[in-house]
C-alpha atoms as a PDB file:
ATOM      1  CA  MET A   1     -43.775 -24.283  15.178  1.00  0.00           C
ATOM      2  CA  ALA A   2     -45.627 -23.309  18.262  1.00  0.00           C
ATOM      3  CA  GLU A   3     -43.716 -21.335  21.007  1.00  0.00           C
ATOM      4  CA  THR A   4     -42.547 -23.548  23.817  1.00  0.00           C
ATOM      5  CA  LYS A   5     -44.556 -23.045  26.959  1.00  0.00           C
ATOM      6  CA  VAL A   6     -42.691 -22.287  30.256  1.00  0.00           C
ATOM      7  CA  LYS A   7     -43.844 -23.293  33.721  1.00  0.00           C
ATOM      8  CA  ILE A   8     -42.016 -22.079  36.795  1.00  0.00           C
ATOM      9  CA  CYS A   9     -42.924 -24.411  39.715  1.00  0.00           C
ATOM     10  CA  GLY A  10     -42.692 -24.514  43.345  1.00  0.00           C
ATOM     11  CA  LEU A  11     -43.315 -20.719  43.925  1.00  0.00           C
ATOM     12  CA  GLN A  12     -44.038 -19.628  47.564  1.00  0.00           C
ATOM     13  CA  ASP A  13     -42.984 -16.066  47.860  1.00  0.00           C
ATOM     14  CA  VAL A  14     -45.161 -13.170  46.597  1.00  0.00           C
ATOM     15  CA  GLU A  15     -42.152 -10.862  46.248  1.00  0.00           C
ATOM     16  CA  VAL A  16     -40.394 -13.377  43.909  1.00  0.00           C
ATOM     17  CA  LEU A  17     -43.523 -13.690  41.815  1.00  0.00           C
ATOM     18  CA  LYS A  18     -43.826  -9.893  41.652  1.00  0.00           C
ATOM     19  CA  SER A  19     -40.250  -9.838  40.306  1.00  0.00           C
ATOM     20  CA  MET A  20     -41.281 -12.043  37.397  1.00  0.00           C
ATOM     21  CA  VAL A  21     -44.200  -9.940  36.110  1.00  0.00           C
ATOM     22  CA  HIS A  22     -42.148  -8.742  33.160  1.00  0.00           C
ATOM     23  CA  LEU A  23     -41.298 -12.218  31.964  1.00  0.00           C
ATOM     24  CA  PRO A  24     -43.220 -14.297  29.337  1.00  0.00           C
ATOM     25  CA  VAL A  25     -44.129 -17.137  31.633  1.00  0.00           C
ATOM     26  CA  ASP A  26     -47.064 -19.319  30.663  1.00  0.00           C
ATOM     27  CA  TYR A  27     -47.798 -21.195  33.907  1.00  0.00           C
ATOM     28  CA  ILE A  28     -46.762 -20.864  37.526  1.00  0.00           C
ATOM     29  CA  GLY A  29     -46.814 -24.074  39.693  1.00  0.00           C
ATOM     30  CA  LEU A  30     -48.134 -24.022  43.310  1.00  0.00           C
ATOM     31  CA  VAL A  31     -47.375 -27.259  45.281  1.00  0.00           C
ATOM     32  CA  PHE A  32     -50.085 -28.668  47.526  1.00  0.00           C
ATOM     33  CA  ALA A  33     -48.455 -32.093  47.829  1.00  0.00           C
ATOM     34  CA  PRO A  34     -45.916 -32.955  50.630  1.00  0.00           C
ATOM     35  CA  SER A  35     -42.766 -30.979  49.874  1.00  0.00           C
ATOM     36  CA  ARG A  36     -40.586 -28.259  51.250  1.00  0.00           C
ATOM     37  CA  ARG A  37     -42.236 -26.071  48.649  1.00  0.00           C
ATOM     38  CA  LYS A  38     -45.847 -26.764  49.758  1.00  0.00           C
ATOM     39  CA  VAL A  39     -48.231 -23.839  50.108  1.00  0.00           C
ATOM     40  CA  THR A  40     -51.599 -23.490  51.757  1.00  0.00           C
ATOM     41  CA  ALA A  41     -54.655 -22.478  50.039  1.00  0.00           C
ATOM     42  CA  GLU A  42     -54.378 -18.999  51.621  1.00  0.00           C
ATOM     43  CA  GLN A  43     -50.761 -18.587  50.311  1.00  0.00           C
ATOM     44  CA  ALA A  44     -51.830 -19.762  46.869  1.00  0.00           C
ATOM     45  CA  SER A  45     -54.658 -17.205  46.814  1.00  0.00           C
ATOM     46  CA  ARG A  46     -52.095 -14.407  47.656  1.00  0.00           C
ATOM     47  CA  LEU A  47     -49.748 -15.614  44.823  1.00  0.00           C
ATOM     48  CA  ILE A  48     -52.571 -15.825  42.271  1.00  0.00           C
ATOM     49  CA  SER A  49     -53.642 -12.357  43.044  1.00  0.00           C
ATOM     50  CA  VAL A  50     -50.243 -11.092  41.665  1.00  0.00           C
ATOM     51  CA  LEU A  51     -51.157 -12.463  38.336  1.00  0.00           C
ATOM     52  CA  ALA A  52     -53.586  -9.495  37.673  1.00  0.00           C
ATOM     53  CA  ASP A  53     -50.471  -7.302  37.534  1.00  0.00           C
ATOM     54  CA  TRP A  54     -48.568  -9.217  34.761  1.00  0.00           C
ATOM     55  CA  GLN A  55     -46.932  -6.857  32.417  1.00  0.00           C
ATOM     56  CA  THR A  56     -45.724  -9.218  29.583  1.00  0.00           C
ATOM     57  CA  GLY A  57     -48.437 -10.712  27.347  1.00  0.00           C
ATOM     58  CA  LYS A  58     -51.032 -12.857  28.769  1.00  0.00           C
ATOM     59  CA  ALA A  59     -50.810 -13.609  32.616  1.00  0.00           C
ATOM     60  CA  PRO A  60     -49.603 -17.078  33.587  1.00  0.00           C
ATOM     61  CA  VAL A  61     -52.092 -19.773  34.360  1.00  0.00           C
ATOM     62  CA  ALA A  62     -51.808 -21.078  38.004  1.00  0.00           C
ATOM     63  CA  ALA A  63     -51.363 -24.921  38.213  1.00  0.00           C
ATOM     64  CA  GLY A  64     -51.811 -26.773  41.416  1.00  0.00           C
ATOM     65  CA  VAL A  65     -49.548 -29.805  41.997  1.00  0.00           C
ATOM     66  CA  PHE A  66     -51.274 -32.768  43.855  1.00  0.00           C
ATOM     67  CA  VAL A  67     -50.406 -36.348  44.741  1.00  0.00           C
ATOM     68  CA  ASP A  68     -53.579 -38.503  44.997  1.00  0.00           C
ATOM     69  CA  PRO A  69     -55.832 -35.847  46.271  1.00  0.00           C
ATOM     70  CA  ASP A  70     -59.333 -36.480  47.306  1.00  0.00           C
ATOM     71  CA  ARG A  71     -62.395 -34.382  46.122  1.00  0.00           C
ATOM     72  CA  ASP A  72     -62.685 -32.655  49.513  1.00  0.00           C
ATOM     73  CA  GLU A  73     -59.041 -31.445  49.411  1.00  0.00           C
ATOM     74  CA  LEU A  74     -59.612 -30.151  45.808  1.00  0.00           C
ATOM     75  CA  ASN A  75     -62.874 -28.568  46.583  1.00  0.00           C
ATOM     76  CA  GLY A  76     -61.478 -26.631  49.522  1.00  0.00           C
ATOM     77  CA  ILE A  77     -58.306 -25.483  47.681  1.00  0.00           C
ATOM     78  CA  LEU A  78     -60.061 -24.357  44.448  1.00  0.00           C
ATOM     79  CA  ALA A  79     -62.723 -22.497  46.507  1.00  0.00           C
ATOM     80  CA  ALA A  80     -59.930 -20.351  47.980  1.00  0.00           C
ATOM     81  CA  ALA A  81     -57.520 -20.285  45.079  1.00  0.00           C
ATOM     82  CA  PRO A  82     -58.739 -20.169  41.517  1.00  0.00           C
ATOM     83  CA  LEU A  83     -56.385 -22.597  39.757  1.00  0.00           C
ATOM     84  CA  GLY A  84     -56.482 -23.074  35.981  1.00  0.00           C
ATOM     85  CA  VAL A  85     -54.719 -26.439  35.970  1.00  0.00           C
ATOM     86  CA  ILE A  86     -54.860 -29.445  38.330  1.00  0.00           C
ATOM     87  CA  GLN A  87     -51.641 -31.322  37.985  1.00  0.00           C
ATOM     88  CA  LEU A  88     -51.685 -34.937  39.186  1.00  0.00           C
ATOM     89  CA  HIS A  89     -48.447 -36.713  40.251  1.00  0.00           C
ATOM     90  CA  GLY A  90     -49.774 -39.791  41.980  1.00  0.00           C
ATOM     91  CA  ASN A  91     -51.575 -42.935  40.923  1.00  0.00           C
ATOM     92  CA  GLU A  92     -54.805 -41.174  39.871  1.00  0.00           C
ATOM     93  CA  SER A  93     -56.894 -43.362  37.639  1.00  0.00           C
ATOM     94  CA  PRO A  94     -58.372 -42.311  34.317  1.00  0.00           C
ATOM     95  CA  ALA A  95     -61.807 -42.448  35.967  1.00  0.00           C
ATOM     96  CA  PHE A  96     -60.617 -40.033  38.753  1.00  0.00           C
ATOM     97  CA  CYS A  97     -59.148 -37.623  36.028  1.00  0.00           C
ATOM     98  CA  ARG A  98     -62.491 -37.663  34.241  1.00  0.00           C
ATOM     99  CA  GLU A  99     -64.398 -36.956  37.418  1.00  0.00           C
ATOM    100  CA  ILE A 100     -62.213 -34.069  38.205  1.00  0.00           C
ATOM    101  CA  LYS A 101     -62.709 -32.536  34.654  1.00  0.00           C
ATOM    102  CA  GLU A 102     -66.429 -32.875  35.186  1.00  0.00           C
ATOM    103  CA  ALA A 103     -66.438 -31.472  38.638  1.00  0.00           C
ATOM    104  CA  PHE A 104     -64.292 -28.355  37.792  1.00  0.00           C
ATOM    105  CA  PRO A 105     -65.320 -27.133  34.253  1.00  0.00           C
ATOM    106  CA  GLY A 106     -62.833 -25.031  32.605  1.00  0.00           C
ATOM    107  CA  VAL A 107     -59.925 -26.337  34.705  1.00  0.00           C
ATOM    108  CA  GLN A 108     -57.340 -28.354  32.869  1.00  0.00           C
ATOM    109  CA  VAL A 109     -56.187 -31.723  34.202  1.00  0.00           C
ATOM    110  CA  TRP A 110     -52.557 -32.679  33.572  1.00  0.00           C
ATOM    111  CA  LYS A 111     -51.151 -36.145  34.334  1.00  0.00           C
ATOM    112  CA  ALA A 112     -47.539 -36.527  35.416  1.00  0.00           C
ATOM    113  CA  LEU A 113     -45.714 -39.730  34.507  1.00  0.00           C
ATOM    114  CA  SER A 114     -42.400 -40.821  36.089  1.00  0.00           C
ATOM    115  CA  VAL A 115     -39.568 -41.871  33.844  1.00  0.00           C
ATOM    116  CA  ALA A 116     -36.371 -43.679  34.705  1.00  0.00           C
ATOM    117  CA  VAL A 117     -33.259 -41.643  35.576  1.00  0.00           C
ATOM    118  CA  GLU A 118     -30.328 -41.703  33.155  1.00  0.00           C
ATOM    119  CA  ASP A 119     -28.311 -44.056  35.450  1.00  0.00           C
ATOM    120  CA  GLY A 120     -31.120 -46.695  35.880  1.00  0.00           C
ATOM    121  CA  GLY A 121     -34.160 -47.213  37.926  1.00  0.00           C
ATOM    122  CA  ALA A 122     -37.577 -48.374  37.170  1.00  0.00           C
ATOM    123  CA  ASN A 123     -40.264 -46.356  35.334  1.00  0.00           C
ATOM    124  CA  ASN A 124     -43.367 -45.640  37.463  1.00  0.00           C
ATOM    125  CA  ASP A 125     -45.746 -45.902  34.651  1.00  0.00           C
ATOM    126  CA  GLU A 126     -47.994 -48.589  35.745  1.00  0.00           C
ATOM    127  CA  LEU A 127     -51.064 -47.028  34.229  1.00  0.00           C
ATOM    128  CA  ALA A 128     -50.926 -47.005  30.427  1.00  0.00           C
ATOM    129  CA  LEU A 129     -51.027 -43.564  29.070  1.00  0.00           C
ATOM    130  CA  GLU A 130     -53.455 -44.597  26.342  1.00  0.00           C
ATOM    131  CA  SER A 131     -56.124 -45.266  28.963  1.00  0.00           C
ATOM    132  CA  TYR A 132     -56.263 -41.581  29.821  1.00  0.00           C
ATOM    133  CA  ALA A 133     -57.726 -40.707  26.406  1.00  0.00           C
ATOM    134  CA  GLY A 134     -60.362 -38.033  26.842  1.00  0.00           C
ATOM    135  CA  THR A 135     -59.586 -37.433  30.594  1.00  0.00           C
ATOM    136  CA  ILE A 136     -56.486 -35.203  30.524  1.00  0.00           C
ATOM    137  CA  ASP A 137     -55.346 -31.985  28.882  1.00  0.00           C
ATOM    138  CA  ALA A 138     -51.631 -32.551  28.916  1.00  0.00           C
ATOM    139  CA  VAL A 139     -48.881 -35.045  29.798  1.00  0.00           C
ATOM    140  CA  LEU A 140     -45.964 -34.150  31.962  1.00  0.00           C
ATOM    141  CA  LEU A 141     -42.819 -36.297  32.174  1.00  0.00           C
ATOM    142  CA  ASP A 142     -40.809 -36.134  35.323  1.00  0.00           C
ATOM    143  CA  THR A 143     -37.905 -38.117  36.860  1.00  0.00           C
ATOM    144  CA  TYR A 144     -38.711 -41.252  38.743  1.00  0.00           C
ATOM    145  CA  ASP A 145     -37.672 -41.128  42.294  1.00  0.00           C
ATOM    146  CA  PRO A 146     -38.632 -43.805  44.784  1.00  0.00           C
ATOM    147  CA  ALA A 147     -38.700 -41.301  47.650  1.00  0.00           C
ATOM    148  CA  GLN A 148     -40.733 -38.518  46.197  1.00  0.00           C
ATOM    149  CA  ARG A 149     -42.999 -37.366  43.369  1.00  0.00           C
ATOM    150  CA  GLY A 150     -41.101 -34.741  41.424  1.00  0.00           C
ATOM    151  CA  GLY A 151     -38.562 -32.122  42.694  1.00  0.00           C
ATOM    152  CA  SER A 152     -35.653 -34.490  42.656  1.00  0.00           C
ATOM    153  CA  GLY A 153     -33.540 -32.092  40.583  1.00  0.00           C
ATOM    154  CA  ARG A 154     -32.426 -34.979  38.423  1.00  0.00           C
ATOM    155  CA  THR A 155     -33.067 -35.558  34.650  1.00  0.00           C
ATOM    156  CA  PHE A 156     -34.518 -38.690  33.259  1.00  0.00           C
ATOM    157  CA  ALA A 157     -33.457 -40.514  30.149  1.00  0.00           C
ATOM    158  CA  TRP A 158     -34.475 -37.994  27.505  1.00  0.00           C
ATOM    159  CA  GLU A 159     -34.328 -40.603  24.801  1.00  0.00           C
ATOM    160  CA  GLU A 160     -37.660 -41.822  26.019  1.00  0.00           C
ATOM    161  CA  ILE A 161     -39.259 -38.516  24.986  1.00  0.00           C
ATOM    162  CA  PRO A 162     -40.126 -39.319  21.332  1.00  0.00           C
ATOM    163  CA  ASP A 163     -42.148 -42.379  22.331  1.00  0.00           C
ATOM    164  CA  TYR A 164     -44.126 -40.403  24.919  1.00  0.00           C
ATOM    165  CA  ARG A 165     -44.560 -37.596  22.564  1.00  0.00           C
ATOM    166  CA  LYS A 166     -46.097 -39.863  19.994  1.00  0.00           C
ATOM    167  CA  ARG A 167     -48.438 -41.374  22.598  1.00  0.00           C
ATOM    168  CA  ALA A 168     -49.368 -38.070  24.040  1.00  0.00           C
ATOM    169  CA  SER A 169     -50.090 -36.823  20.464  1.00  0.00           C
ATOM    170  CA  ALA A 170     -52.349 -39.634  19.795  1.00  0.00           C
ATOM    171  CA  LEU A 171     -54.437 -38.302  22.772  1.00  0.00           C
ATOM    172  CA  GLY A 172     -54.390 -34.817  21.547  1.00  0.00           C
ATOM    173  CA  ALA A 173     -52.447 -33.794  24.599  1.00  0.00           C
ATOM    174  CA  PRO A 174     -49.389 -31.603  24.640  1.00  0.00           C
ATOM    175  CA  LEU A 175     -46.154 -32.927  26.278  1.00  0.00           C
ATOM    176  CA  PHE A 176     -44.351 -31.067  29.002  1.00  0.00           C
ATOM    177  CA  VAL A 177     -40.913 -32.129  30.273  1.00  0.00           C
ATOM    178  CA  ALA A 178     -39.714 -31.601  33.917  1.00  0.00           C
ATOM    179  CA  GLY A 179     -37.010 -33.042  35.978  1.00  0.00           C
ATOM    180  CA  GLY A 180     -33.540 -31.570  36.503  1.00  0.00           C
ATOM    181  CA  LEU A 181     -33.972 -28.712  33.915  1.00  0.00           C
ATOM    182  CA  SER A 182     -31.863 -25.614  34.465  1.00  0.00           C
ATOM    183  CA  PRO A 183     -30.748 -22.641  32.350  1.00  0.00           C
ATOM    184  CA  ASP A 184     -27.638 -24.628  31.368  1.00  0.00           C
ATOM    185  CA  ASN A 185     -29.335 -27.707  29.875  1.00  0.00           C
ATOM    186  CA  VAL A 186     -32.796 -26.576  28.676  1.00  0.00           C
ATOM    187  CA  GLY A 187     -31.462 -25.355  25.322  1.00  0.00           C
ATOM    188  CA  GLY A 188     -30.094 -28.930  24.635  1.00  0.00           C
ATOM    189  CA  LEU A 189     -33.372 -30.387  25.465  1.00  0.00           C
ATOM    190  CA  LEU A 190     -35.309 -28.131  23.096  1.00  0.00           C
ATOM    191  CA  ALA A 191     -32.876 -28.547  20.334  1.00  0.00           C
ATOM    192  CA  ALA A 192     -33.001 -32.381  20.423  1.00  0.00           C
ATOM    193  CA  TYR A 193     -36.602 -33.080  21.345  1.00  0.00           C
ATOM    194  CA  ALA A 194     -38.752 -29.907  21.179  1.00  0.00           C
ATOM    195  CA  PRO A 195     -41.422 -30.715  23.790  1.00  0.00           C
ATOM    196  CA  ASP A 196     -44.451 -28.609  23.863  1.00  0.00           C
ATOM    197  CA  GLY A 197     -43.466 -27.187  27.252  1.00  0.00           C
ATOM    198  CA  VAL A 198     -40.833 -27.261  29.967  1.00  0.00           C
ATOM    199  CA  ASP A 199     -41.361 -27.211  33.788  1.00  0.00           C
ATOM    200  CA  VAL A 200     -38.517 -26.035  36.115  1.00  0.00           C
ATOM    201  CA  SER A 201     -38.396 -25.765  39.892  1.00  0.00           C
ATOM    202  CA  SER A 202     -35.002 -26.604  41.669  1.00  0.00           C
ATOM    203  CA  GLY A 203     -33.012 -25.550  38.584  1.00  0.00           C
ATOM    204  CA  VAL A 204     -33.978 -21.942  39.100  1.00  0.00           C
ATOM    205  CA  GLU A 205     -33.106 -21.868  42.765  1.00  0.00           C
ATOM    206  CA  SER A 206     -30.060 -20.848  44.818  1.00  0.00           C
ATOM    207  CA  ASP A 207     -29.707 -22.405  48.280  1.00  0.00           C
ATOM    208  CA  GLY A 208     -33.216 -23.751  47.979  1.00  0.00           C
ATOM    209  CA  VAL A 209     -34.801 -20.357  47.346  1.00  0.00           C
ATOM    210  CA  LYS A 210     -36.101 -19.090  43.856  1.00  0.00           C
ATOM    211  CA  ASP A 211     -33.514 -16.959  42.079  1.00  0.00           C
ATOM    212  CA  ILE A 212     -34.910 -14.316  39.813  1.00  0.00           C
ATOM    213  CA  ALA A 213     -31.612 -14.157  37.764  1.00  0.00           C
ATOM    214  CA  LYS A 214     -31.922 -17.923  37.074  1.00  0.00           C
ATOM    215  CA  ILE A 215     -35.582 -17.690  36.315  1.00  0.00           C
ATOM    216  CA  THR A 216     -34.944 -14.884  33.928  1.00  0.00           C
ATOM    217  CA  ALA A 217     -32.057 -16.864  32.301  1.00  0.00           C
ATOM    218  CA  PHE A 218     -34.256 -19.979  31.900  1.00  0.00           C
ATOM    219  CA  VAL A 219     -37.245 -18.166  30.442  1.00  0.00           C
ATOM    220  CA  GLU A 220     -35.078 -16.288  27.890  1.00  0.00           C
ATOM    221  CA  ARG A 221     -33.305 -19.478  26.822  1.00  0.00           C
ATOM    222  CA  VAL A 222     -36.578 -21.186  26.272  1.00  0.00           C
ATOM    223  CA  LYS A 223     -38.293 -18.322  24.397  1.00  0.00           C
ATOM    224  CA  GLN A 224     -35.292 -17.617  22.233  1.00  0.00           C
ATOM    225  CA  SER A 225     -34.828 -21.340  21.118  1.00  0.00           C
END
């Protein structure tokens, strides 16, 4: 079985990222969408420069998180910050995803889908996943929140994962799970559903700030599972 990939999202502080260079992290997430974790292209460039000093295995790939970006925004950010992944959390169409893949050769395109929370709420999956065949490189499941795209700190109904996994596999796309993950619950997720990767942000924070002890615990629990 392939090793589960780890993405630490919402990074803003260079010193925090420097404290992570000994950890086997596969992706770092830089948020360009409206969020308290939003970074500028210049901040992202400084953060990405730290990756050259990574000490454990291969350096993480930088993923930029966007909600319904336009081409001008993407052109400007990628010119300043060499992202390896464009992660789309809005209502981006399959045609847009294909356009972005063609415009930025060598950059992966991930599509995030919102899934209902455990205590109810509607899925925000208007666009059929199957229509993205050939246009995306990975599928990321996050928790549906009517007020924001991601970052809610809440888990979704994990029993939905097997169906999405089957559908993503049919597209040849790995499945990542986000939404409310933490060092305390990620082991249970991996044992029950074994996604290809996990994505964490608020679950490794203390008082809204990334906590290296929690990041370390999260990464260790994933990589030891």
